[in-house]
Structure formats: structure tokens, C-alpha cells
PDB file of N, CA and C in Angstrom:
ATOM      1  N   MET A   1       0.823  -1.169   0.000  1.00  0.00           N
ATOM      2  CA  MET A   1       0.000   0.000   0.000  1.00  0.00           C
ATOM      3  C   MET A   1       0.877   1.245   0.000  1.00  0.00           C
ATOM      4  N   SER A   2       0.477   2.195  -0.786  1.00  0.00           N
ATOM      5  CA  SER A   2       1.258   3.411  -0.928  1.00  0.00           C
ATOM      6  C   SER A   2       0.357   4.614  -0.663  1.00  0.00           C
ATOM      7  N   ILE A   3       0.856   5.542   0.137  1.00  0.00           N
ATOM      8  CA  ILE A   3       0.127   6.793   0.319  1.00  0.00           C
ATOM      9  C   ILE A   3       0.991   7.908  -0.231  1.00  0.00           C
ATOM     10  N   SER A   4       0.332   8.911  -0.780  1.00  0.00           N
ATOM     11  CA  SER A   4       1.097   9.983  -1.404  1.00  0.00           C
ATOM     12  C   SER A   4       0.253  11.249  -1.488  1.00  0.00           C
ATOM     13  N   ILE A   5       0.933  12.331  -1.749  1.00  0.00           N
ATOM     14  CA  ILE A   5       0.272  13.585  -2.088  1.00  0.00           C
ATOM     15  C   ILE A   5       0.671  13.928  -3.511  1.00  0.00           C
ATOM     16  N   SER A   6      -0.205  14.608  -4.217  1.00  0.00           N
ATOM     17  CA  SER A   6       0.071  14.906  -5.624  1.00  0.00           C
ATOM     18  C   SER A   6       0.773  16.244  -5.817  1.00  0.00           C
ATOM     19  N   ALA A   7       0.728  17.092  -4.790  1.00  0.00           N
ATOM     20  CA  ALA A   7       1.341  18.417  -4.899  1.00  0.00           C
ATOM     21  C   ALA A   7       1.730  18.901  -3.502  1.00  0.00           C
ATOM     22  N   SER A   8       2.444  19.993  -3.450  1.00  0.00           N
ATOM     23  CA  SER A   8       2.938  20.529  -2.184  1.00  0.00           C
ATOM     24  C   SER A   8       1.798  21.005  -1.277  1.00  0.00           C
ATOM     25  N   VAL A   9       2.067  20.907   0.035  1.00  0.00           N
ATOM     26  CA  VAL A   9       1.095  21.315   1.053  1.00  0.00           C
ATOM     27  C   VAL A   9       1.800  22.233   2.046  1.00  0.00           C
ATOM     28  N   GLY A  10       1.143  23.324   2.388  1.00  0.00           N
ATOM     29  CA  GLY A  10       1.686  24.235   3.395  1.00  0.00           C
ATOM     30  C   GLY A  10       1.890  25.625   2.848  1.00  0.00           C
ATOM     31  N   LEU A  11       2.797  26.346   3.476  1.00  0.00           N
ATOM     32  CA  LEU A  11       3.066  27.734   3.115  1.00  0.00           C
ATOM     33  C   LEU A  11       3.553  27.833   1.669  1.00  0.00           C
ATOM     34  N   GLY A  12       2.770  28.478   0.811  1.00  0.00           N
ATOM     35  CA  GLY A  12       3.122  28.641  -0.594  1.00  0.00           C
ATOM     36  C   GLY A  12       2.889  27.408  -1.443  1.00  0.00           C
ATOM     37  N   GLY A  13       2.271  26.375  -0.879  1.00  0.00           N
ATOM     38  CA  GLY A  13       2.032  25.129  -1.620  1.00  0.00           C
ATOM     39  C   GLY A  13       0.799  25.198  -2.500  1.00  0.00           C
ATOM     40  N   HIS A  14       0.607  24.145  -3.302  1.00  0.00           N
ATOM     41  CA  HIS A  14      -0.580  24.050  -4.145  1.00  0.00           C
ATOM     42  C   HIS A  14      -1.835  23.815  -3.303  1.00  0.00           C
ATOM     43  N   ASN A  15      -1.677  23.084  -2.194  1.00  0.00           N
ATOM     44  CA  ASN A  15      -2.729  22.886  -1.204  1.00  0.00           C
ATOM     45  C   ASN A  15      -4.040  22.330  -1.766  1.00  0.00           C
ATOM     46  N   LYS A  16      -3.922  21.232  -2.499  1.00  0.00           N
ATOM     47  CA  LYS A  16      -5.128  20.538  -2.958  1.00  0.00           C
ATOM     48  C   LYS A  16      -5.825  19.951  -1.731  1.00  0.00           C
ATOM     49  N   PRO A  17      -7.136  20.127  -1.622  1.00  0.00           N
ATOM     50  CA  PRO A  17      -7.854  19.688  -0.412  1.00  0.00           C
ATOM     51  C   PRO A  17      -7.598  18.240   0.008  1.00  0.00           C
ATOM     52  N   THR A  18      -7.538  17.302  -0.921  1.00  0.00           N
ATOM     53  CA  THR A  18      -7.295  15.910  -0.524  1.00  0.00           C
ATOM     54  C   THR A  18      -5.878  15.725  -0.001  1.00  0.00           C
ATOM     55  N   ASP A  19      -4.913  16.418  -0.583  1.00  0.00           N
ATOM     56  CA  ASP A  19      -3.534  16.354  -0.091  1.00  0.00           C
ATOM     57  C   ASP A  19      -3.430  16.976   1.300  1.00  0.00           C
ATOM     58  N   VAL A  20      -4.066  18.131   1.478  1.00  0.00           N
ATOM     59  CA  VAL A  20      -4.025  18.809   2.772  1.00  0.00           C
ATOM     60  C   VAL A  20      -4.677  17.935   3.843  1.00  0.00           C
ATOM     61  N   ALA A  21      -5.813  17.322   3.526  1.00  0.00           N
ATOM     62  CA  ALA A  21      -6.506  16.465   4.495  1.00  0.00           C
ATOM     63  C   ALA A  21      -5.628  15.296   4.916  1.00  0.00           C
ATOM     64  N   LEU A  22      -4.918  14.700   3.969  1.00  0.00           N
ATOM     65  CA  LEU A  22      -4.020  13.595   4.303  1.00  0.00           C
ATOM     66  C   LEU A  22      -2.907  14.083   5.226  1.00  0.00           C
ATOM     67  N   VAL A  23      -2.293  15.193   4.891  1.00  0.00           N
ATOM     68  CA  VAL A  23      -1.219  15.749   5.720  1.00  0.00           C
ATOM     69  C   VAL A  23      -1.750  16.079   7.112  1.00  0.00           C
ATOM     70  N   GLN A  24      -2.931  16.658   7.203  1.00  0.00           N
ATOM     71  CA  GLN A  24      -3.520  16.973   8.507  1.00  0.00           C
ATOM     72  C   GLN A  24      -3.691  15.713   9.354  1.00  0.00           C
ATOM     73  N   GLN A  25      -4.211  14.657   8.743  1.00  0.00           N
ATOM     74  CA  GLN A  25      -4.408  13.403   9.484  1.00  0.00           C
ATOM     75  C   GLN A  25      -3.064  12.823   9.925  1.00  0.00           C
ATOM     76  N   LEU A  26      -2.084  12.852   9.048  1.00  0.00           N
ATOM     77  CA  LEU A  26      -0.762  12.335   9.399  1.00  0.00           C
ATOM     78  C   LEU A  26      -0.120  13.157  10.518  1.00  0.00           C
ATOM     79  N   LEU A  27      -0.279  14.461  10.467  1.00  0.00           N
ATOM     80  CA  LEU A  27       0.250  15.309  11.530  1.00  0.00           C
ATOM     81  C   LEU A  27      -0.414  14.978  12.867  1.00  0.00           C
ATOM     82  N   ASN A  28      -1.734  14.781  12.846  1.00  0.00           N
ATOM     83  CA  ASN A  28      -2.447  14.396  14.067  1.00  0.00           C
ATOM     84  C   ASN A  28      -1.961  13.048  14.583  1.00  0.00           C
ATOM     85  N   ASN A  29      -1.674  12.120  13.679  1.00  0.00           N
ATOM     86  CA  ASN A  29      -1.142  10.816  14.091  1.00  0.00           C
ATOM     87  C   ASN A  29       0.246  10.962  14.698  1.00  0.00           C
ATOM     88  N   ALA A  30       1.021  11.888  14.161  1.00  0.00           N
ATOM     89  CA  ALA A  30       2.389  12.082  14.640  1.00  0.00           C
ATOM     90  C   ALA A  30       2.426  12.723  16.024  1.00  0.00           C
ATOM     91  N   ASN A  31       1.456  13.580  16.309  1.00  0.00           N
ATOM     92  CA  ASN A  31       1.453  14.281  17.592  1.00  0.00           C
ATOM     93  C   ASN A  31       0.025  14.717  17.907  1.00  0.00           C
ATOM     94  N   LYS A  32      -0.580  14.079  18.880  1.00  0.00           N
ATOM     95  CA  LYS A  32      -1.968  14.397  19.257  1.00  0.00           C
ATOM     96  C   LYS A  32      -2.120  15.837  19.737  1.00  0.00           C
ATOM     97  N   ASN A  33      -1.044  16.475  20.154  1.00  0.00           N
ATOM     98  CA  ASN A  33      -1.119  17.866  20.601  1.00  0.00           C
ATOM     99  C   ASN A  33      -1.438  18.839  19.470  1.00  0.00           C
ATOM    100  N   TYR A  34      -1.213  18.418  18.216  1.00  0.00           N
ATOM    101  CA  TYR A  34      -1.528  19.305  17.102  1.00  0.00           C
ATOM    102  C   TYR A  34      -3.039  19.545  17.031  1.00  0.00           C
ATOM    103  N   ALA A  35      -3.840  18.494  17.184  1.00  0.00           N
ATOM    104  CA  ALA A  35      -5.308  18.586  17.193  1.00  0.00           C
ATOM    105  C   ALA A  35      -5.847  19.425  16.033  1.00  0.00           C
ATOM    106  N   ILE A  36      -5.378  19.115  14.838  1.00  0.00           N
ATOM    107  CA  ILE A  36      -5.800  19.851  13.649  1.00  0.00           C
ATOM    108  C   ILE A  36      -7.123  19.271  13.162  1.00  0.00           C
ATOM    109  N   THR A  37      -8.067  20.144  12.836  1.00  0.00           N
ATOM    110  CA  THR A  37      -9.302  19.692  12.206  1.00  0.00           C
ATOM    111  C   THR A  37      -8.960  19.263  10.787  1.00  0.00           C
ATOM    112  N   VAL A  38      -9.356  18.055  10.421  1.00  0.00           N
ATOM    113  CA  VAL A  38      -9.085  17.549   9.075  1.00  0.00           C
ATOM    114  C   VAL A  38     -10.176  18.095   8.155  1.00  0.00           C
ATOM    115  N   ASP A  39      -9.870  19.243   7.551  1.00  0.00           N
ATOM    116  CA  ASP A  39     -10.852  19.934   6.715  1.00  0.00           C
ATOM    117  C   ASP A  39     -10.349  20.217   5.301  1.00  0.00           C
ATOM    118  N   GLY A  40      -9.112  19.854   5.002  1.00  0.00           N
ATOM    119  CA  GLY A  40      -8.573  20.081   3.669  1.00  0.00           C
ATOM    120  C   GLY A  40      -8.118  21.500   3.402  1.00  0.00           C
ATOM    121  N   LEU A  41      -8.082  22.333   4.448  1.00  0.00           N
ATOM    122  CA  LEU A  41      -7.655  23.726   4.301  1.00  0.00           C
ATOM    123  C   LEU A  41      -6.305  23.925   4.979  1.00  0.00           C
ATOM    124  N   ALA A  42      -5.363  24.507   4.270  1.00  0.00           N
ATOM    125  CA  ALA A  42      -4.015  24.710   4.800  1.00  0.00           C
ATOM    126  C   ALA A  42      -3.933  26.047   5.517  1.00  0.00           C
ATOM    127  N   GLY A  43      -4.650  26.140   6.628  1.00  0.00           N
ATOM    128  CA  GLY A  43      -4.667  27.369   7.413  1.00  0.00           C
ATOM    129  C   GLY A  43      -3.458  27.486   8.330  1.00  0.00           C
ATOM    130  N   LYS A  44      -3.491  28.495   9.189  1.00  0.00           N
ATOM    131  CA  LYS A  44      -2.366  28.783  10.077  1.00  0.00           C
ATOM    132  C   LYS A  44      -2.028  27.606  10.991  1.00  0.00           C
ATOM    133  N   LEU A  45      -3.025  26.940  11.577  1.00  0.00           N
ATOM    134  CA  LEU A  45      -2.746  25.815  12.469  1.00  0.00           C
ATOM    135  C   LEU A  45      -2.041  24.678  11.726  1.00  0.00           C
ATOM    136  N   THR A  46      -2.465  24.412  10.504  1.00  0.00           N
ATOM    137  CA  THR A  46      -1.825  23.356   9.708  1.00  0.00           C
ATOM    138  C   THR A  46      -0.394  23.746   9.370  1.00  0.00           C
ATOM    139  N   ARG A  47      -0.190  24.973   8.914  1.00  0.00           N
ATOM    140  CA  ARG A  47       1.166  25.432   8.579  1.00  0.00           C
ATOM    141  C   ARG A  47       2.071  25.434   9.804  1.00  0.00           C
ATOM    142  N   ASP A  48       1.538  25.865  10.949  1.00  0.00           N
ATOM    143  CA  ASP A  48       2.328  25.859  12.183  1.00  0.00           C
ATOM    144  C   ASP A  48       2.678  24.433  12.604  1.00  0.00           C
ATOM    145  N   ALA A  49       1.746  23.490  12.427  1.00  0.00           N
ATOM    146  CA  ALA A  49       2.010  22.093  12.776  1.00  0.00           C
ATOM    147  C   ALA A  49       3.070  21.498  11.854  1.00  0.00           C
ATOM    148  N   ILE A  50       3.040  21.852  10.581  1.00  0.00           N
ATOM    149  CA  ILE A  50       4.072  21.372   9.644  1.00  0.00           C
ATOM    150  C   ILE A  50       5.437  21.879  10.107  1.00  0.00           C
ATOM    151  N   LYS A  51       5.504  23.154  10.437  1.00  0.00           N
ATOM    152  CA  LYS A  51       6.772  23.728  10.879  1.00  0.00           C
ATOM    153  C   LYS A  51       7.262  23.071  12.168  1.00  0.00           C
ATOM    154  N   ALA A  52       6.359  22.853  13.119  1.00  0.00           N
ATOM    155  CA  ALA A  52       6.730  22.203  14.378  1.00  0.00           C
ATOM    156  C   ALA A  52       7.205  20.776  14.137  1.00  0.00           C
ATOM    157  N   PHE A  53       6.518  20.056  13.244  1.00  0.00           N
ATOM    158  CA  PHE A  53       6.920  18.695  12.890  1.00  0.00           C
ATOM    159  C   PHE A  53       8.325  18.699  12.297  1.00  0.00           C
ATOM    160  N   GLN A  54       8.575  19.616  11.375  1.00  0.00           N
ATOM    161  CA  GLN A  54       9.896  19.705  10.760  1.00  0.00           C
ATOM    162  C   GLN A  54      10.968  20.001  11.807  1.00  0.00           C
ATOM    163  N   LYS A  55      10.666  20.907  12.719  1.00  0.00           N
ATOM    164  CA  LYS A  55      11.628  21.281  13.750  1.00  0.00           C
ATOM    165  C   LYS A  55      11.897  20.120  14.701  1.00  0.00           C
ATOM    166  N   ASP A  56      10.833  19.413  15.107  1.00  0.00           N
ATOM    167  CA  ASP A  56      10.961  18.319  16.079  1.00  0.00           C
ATOM    168  C   ASP A  56      11.532  17.034  15.482  1.00  0.00           C
ATOM    169  N   LYS A  57      11.110  16.688  14.288  1.00  0.00           N
ATOM    170  CA  LYS A  57      11.446  15.374  13.729  1.00  0.00           C
ATOM    171  C   LYS A  57      12.588  15.384  12.722  1.00  0.00           C
ATOM    172  N   LEU A  58      12.875  16.530  12.129  1.00  0.00           N
ATOM    173  CA  LEU A  58      13.934  16.634  11.119  1.00  0.00           C
ATOM    174  C   LEU A  58      14.958  17.647  11.614  1.00  0.00           C
ATOM    175  N   LYS A  59      15.678  17.276  12.607  1.00  0.00           N
ATOM    176  CA  LYS A  59      16.573  18.195  13.319  1.00  0.00           C
ATOM    177  C   LYS A  59      17.561  18.940  12.411  1.00  0.00           C
ATOM    178  N   SER A  60      18.020  18.295  11.363  1.00  0.00           N
ATOM    179  CA  SER A  60      19.011  18.933  10.500  1.00  0.00           C
ATOM    180  C   SER A  60      18.369  19.731   9.369  1.00  0.00           C
ATOM    181  N   PHE A  61      17.057  19.832   9.403  1.00  0.00           N
ATOM    182  CA  PHE A  61      16.308  20.480   8.334  1.00  0.00           C
ATOM    183  C   PHE A  61      15.841  21.848   8.799  1.00  0.00           C
ATOM    184  N   LYS A  62      15.964  22.871   7.969  1.00  0.00           N
ATOM    185  CA  LYS A  62      15.464  24.202   8.310  1.00  0.00           C
ATOM    186  C   LYS A  62      13.952  24.227   8.048  1.00  0.00           C
ATOM    187  N   PRO A  63      13.129  24.368   9.099  1.00  0.00           N
ATOM    188  CA  PRO A  63      11.673  24.355   8.924  1.00  0.00           C
ATOM    189  C   PRO A  63      11.204  25.455   7.976  1.00  0.00           C
ATOM    190  N   ASP A  64      10.326  25.068   7.034  1.00  0.00           N
ATOM    191  CA  ASP A  64       9.808  26.044   6.078  1.00  0.00           C
ATOM    192  C   ASP A  64       8.288  25.978   5.935  1.00  0.00           C
ATOM    193  N   SER A  65       7.629  25.132   6.732  1.00  0.00           N
ATOM    194  CA  SER A  65       6.161  24.986   6.713  1.00  0.00           C
ATOM    195  C   SER A  65       5.635  24.493   5.369  1.00  0.00           C
ATOM    196  N   LEU A  66       6.451  23.762   4.625  1.00  0.00           N
ATOM    197  CA  LEU A  66       6.043  23.249   3.320  1.00  0.00           C
ATOM    198  C   LEU A  66       6.418  21.780   3.210  1.00  0.00           C
ATOM    199  N   ILE A  67       5.471  20.983   2.709  1.00  0.00           N
ATOM    200  CA  ILE A  67       5.712  19.560   2.475  1.00  0.00           C
ATOM    201  C   ILE A  67       5.577  19.302   0.982  1.00  0.00           C
ATOM    202  N   ASN A  68       6.623  18.755   0.387  1.00  0.00           N
ATOM    203  CA  ASN A  68       6.617  18.412  -1.029  1.00  0.00           C
ATOM    204  C   ASN A  68       6.544  16.900  -1.190  1.00  0.00           C
ATOM    205  N   PRO A  69       5.840  16.429  -2.243  1.00  0.00           N
ATOM    206  CA  PRO A  69       5.787  14.988  -2.482  1.00  0.00           C
ATOM    207  C   PRO A  69       7.210  14.441  -2.652  1.00  0.00           C
ATOM    208  N   HIS A  70       7.463  13.282  -2.134  1.00  0.00           N
ATOM    209  CA  HIS A  70       8.743  12.570  -2.276  1.00  0.00           C
ATOM    210  C   HIS A  70       9.921  13.253  -1.581  1.00  0.00           C
ATOM    211  N   ALA A  71       9.668  14.301  -0.810  1.00  0.00           N
ATOM    212  CA  ALA A  71      10.757  14.992  -0.114  1.00  0.00           C
ATOM    213  C   ALA A  71      10.866  14.488   1.330  1.00  0.00           C
ATOM    214  N   LYS A  72      11.893  14.959   2.015  1.00  0.00           N
ATOM    215  CA  LYS A  72      12.253  14.486   3.359  1.00  0.00           C
ATOM    216  C   LYS A  72      11.098  14.589   4.364  1.00  0.00           C
ATOM    217  N   THR A  73      10.405  15.717   4.398  1.00  0.00           N
ATOM    218  CA  THR A  73       9.334  15.884   5.381  1.00  0.00           C
ATOM    219  C   THR A  73       8.211  14.882   5.150  1.00  0.00           C
ATOM    220  N   PHE A  74       7.783  14.700   3.914  1.00  0.00           N
ATOM    221  CA  PHE A  74       6.690  13.760   3.643  1.00  0.00           C
ATOM    222  C   PHE A  74       7.125  12.329   3.933  1.00  0.00           C
ATOM    223  N   LYS A  75       8.339  11.982   3.574  1.00  0.00           N
ATOM    224  CA  LYS A  75       8.831  10.635   3.853  1.00  0.00           C
ATOM    225  C   LYS A  75       8.817  10.337   5.350  1.00  0.00           C
ATOM    226  N   LYS A  76       9.190  11.311   6.163  1.00  0.00           N
ATOM    227  CA  LYS A  76       9.157  11.126   7.615  1.00  0.00           C
ATOM    228  C   LYS A  76       7.711  11.098   8.111  1.00  0.00           C
ATOM    229  N   LEU A  77       6.872  11.957   7.569  1.00  0.00           N
ATOM    230  CA  LEU A  77       5.485  12.052   8.003  1.00  0.00           C
ATOM    231  C   LEU A  77       4.716  10.757   7.762  1.00  0.00           C
ATOM    232  N   ILE A  78       4.959  10.096   6.638  1.00  0.00           N
ATOM    233  CA  ILE A  78       4.192   8.868   6.357  1.00  0.00           C
ATOM    234  C   ILE A  78       4.571   7.722   7.289  1.00  0.00           C
ATOM    235  N   THR A  79       5.643   7.861   8.031  1.00  0.00           N
ATOM    236  CA  THR A  79       5.959   6.816   9.009  1.00  0.00           C
ATOM    237  C   THR A  79       4.941   6.825  10.147  1.00  0.00           C
ATOM    238  N   TYR A  80       4.122   7.873  10.231  1.00  0.00           N
ATOM    239  CA  TYR A  80       3.090   7.976  11.256  1.00  0.00           C
ATOM    240  C   TYR A  80       1.712   7.573  10.739  1.00  0.00           C
ATOM    241  N   TYR A  81       1.659   6.984   9.552  1.00  0.00           N
ATOM    242  CA  TYR A  81       0.397   6.537   8.974  1.00  0.00           C
ATOM    243  C   TYR A  81      -0.184   5.399   9.804  1.00  0.00           C
ATOM    244  N   LYS A  82      -1.467   5.508  10.113  1.00  0.00           N
ATOM    245  CA  LYS A  82      -2.182   4.453  10.828  1.00  0.00           C
ATOM    246  C   LYS A  82      -3.459   4.168  10.059  1.00  0.00           C
ATOM    247  N   ALA A  83      -3.533   3.020   9.439  1.00  0.00           N
ATOM    248  CA  ALA A  83      -4.707   2.669   8.646  1.00  0.00           C
ATOM    249  C   ALA A  83      -5.878   2.311   9.539  1.00  0.00           C
ATOM    250  N   SER A  84      -7.037   2.779   9.147  1.00  0.00           N
ATOM    251  CA  SER A  84      -8.266   2.357   9.802  1.00  0.00           C
ATOM    252  C   SER A  84      -8.687   1.033   9.174  1.00  0.00           C
ATOM    253  N   PRO A  85      -9.498   0.235   9.868  1.00  0.00           N
ATOM    254  CA  PRO A  85      -9.948  -1.029   9.275  1.00  0.00           C
ATOM    255  C   PRO A  85     -10.583  -0.800   7.909  1.00  0.00           C
ATOM    256  N   GLY A  86     -10.124  -1.543   6.932  1.00  0.00           N
ATOM    257  CA  GLY A  86     -10.654  -1.451   5.576  1.00  0.00           C
ATOM    258  C   GLY A  86     -10.094  -0.303   4.761  1.00  0.00           C
ATOM    259  N   GLN A  87      -9.254   0.515   5.326  1.00  0.00           N
ATOM    260  CA  GLN A  87      -8.703   1.655   4.605  1.00  0.00           C
ATOM    261  C   GLN A  87      -7.553   1.191   3.736  1.00  0.00           C
ATOM    262  N   THR A  88      -7.559   1.596   2.469  1.00  0.00           N
ATOM    263  CA  THR A  88      -6.519   1.144   1.556  1.00  0.00           C
ATOM    264  C   THR A  88      -5.655   2.264   1.015  1.00  0.00           C
ATOM    265  N   ASN A  89      -6.158   3.500   0.990  1.00  0.00           N
ATOM    266  CA  ASN A  89      -5.346   4.605   0.491  1.00  0.00           C
ATOM    267  C   ASN A  89      -5.860   5.917   1.048  1.00  0.00           C
ATOM    268  N   HIS A  90      -5.210   7.006   0.704  1.00  0.00           N
ATOM    269  CA  HIS A  90      -5.574   8.278   1.308  1.00  0.00           C
ATOM    270  C   HIS A  90      -6.895   8.830   0.790  1.00  0.00           C
ATOM    271  N   SER A  91      -7.495   8.223  -0.234  1.00  0.00           N
ATOM    272  CA  SER A  91      -8.738   8.746  -0.756  1.00  0.00           C
ATOM    273  C   SER A  91      -9.882   8.624   0.245  1.00  0.00           C
ATOM    274  N   THR A  92      -9.686   7.809   1.292  1.00  0.00           N
ATOM    275  CA  THR A  92     -10.730   7.664   2.295  1.00  0.00           C
ATOM    276  C   THR A  92     -10.642   8.734   3.378  1.00  0.00           C
ATOM    277  N   PHE A  93      -9.601   9.558   3.353  1.00  0.00           N
ATOM    278  CA  PHE A  93      -9.525  10.657   4.304  1.00  0.00           C
ATOM    279  C   PHE A  93     -10.583  11.670   3.911  1.00  0.00           C
ATOM    280  N   GLY A  94     -11.436  12.021   4.841  1.00  0.00           N
ATOM    281  CA  GLY A  94     -12.556  12.886   4.524  1.00  0.00           C
ATOM    282  C   GLY A  94     -12.184  14.343   4.509  1.00  0.00           C
ATOM    283  N   VAL A  95     -12.835  15.063   3.651  1.00  0.00           N
ATOM    284  CA  VAL A  95     -12.731  16.516   3.614  1.00  0.00           C
ATOM    285  C   VAL A  95     -14.127  17.031   3.898  1.00  0.00           C
ATOM    286  N   ARG A  96     -14.241  17.813   4.974  1.00  0.00           N
ATOM    287  CA  ARG A  96     -15.558  18.312   5.351  1.00  0.00           C
ATOM    288  C   ARG A  96     -16.010  19.360   4.368  1.00  0.00           C
ATOM    289  N   ALA A  97     -17.280  19.307   4.043  1.00  0.00           N
ATOM    290  CA  ALA A  97     -17.856  20.287   3.121  1.00  0.00           C
ATOM    291  C   ALA A  97     -18.327  21.511   3.869  1.00  0.00           C
TER     292      ALA A  97
END
């Protein structure tokens, strides 16, 4: 099983709602203190959580509040993926309307 984002998420990113929702869920899995609403919007709380994640988990990386597909931050973030029963890919992450 492979999870991925199709474009960048965060400060200055493309911020496609399904990509943002996946990143939000992964950030929540990585640290329950983030408590980000999974809404598909890359607002201040999401950008701040990305920066905090980069600072805490990627010590040698200069935090920039941006996650790019196939880059260091996303590769580290997906290590916090927790599948729900029957979940096969990120398309099941909900985006609230």
C-alpha cells in the first residue's frame, strides 16, 4: 500500500484539499497535541504544525512549513500513517464540506 500527495502542502504550496486532508491526518497521528481539524484547508494551524513537525522530527532540516511529495518531510510524516480497518489509500480521508 502506498500513500502519497500529488502536490505541495503548506506555506506557498498548491494545497489541494485531498492532499491537505491527508497531511492533517498524518500530523495528528504524529502528535496528538496538534489537534488539527481535518478539513482540507491549509490554514495557520496546519502550517504551524508542519513547521513544528519539521523542527521536532527533522533536526538537521530548516523548517519552512512546506511539504513536497517525495521529499524528506513527507517521507518522515508517512511513518506515522495508521490505517483504519478497511482503509486502503488516502482517498478515504474525509474533507468536510
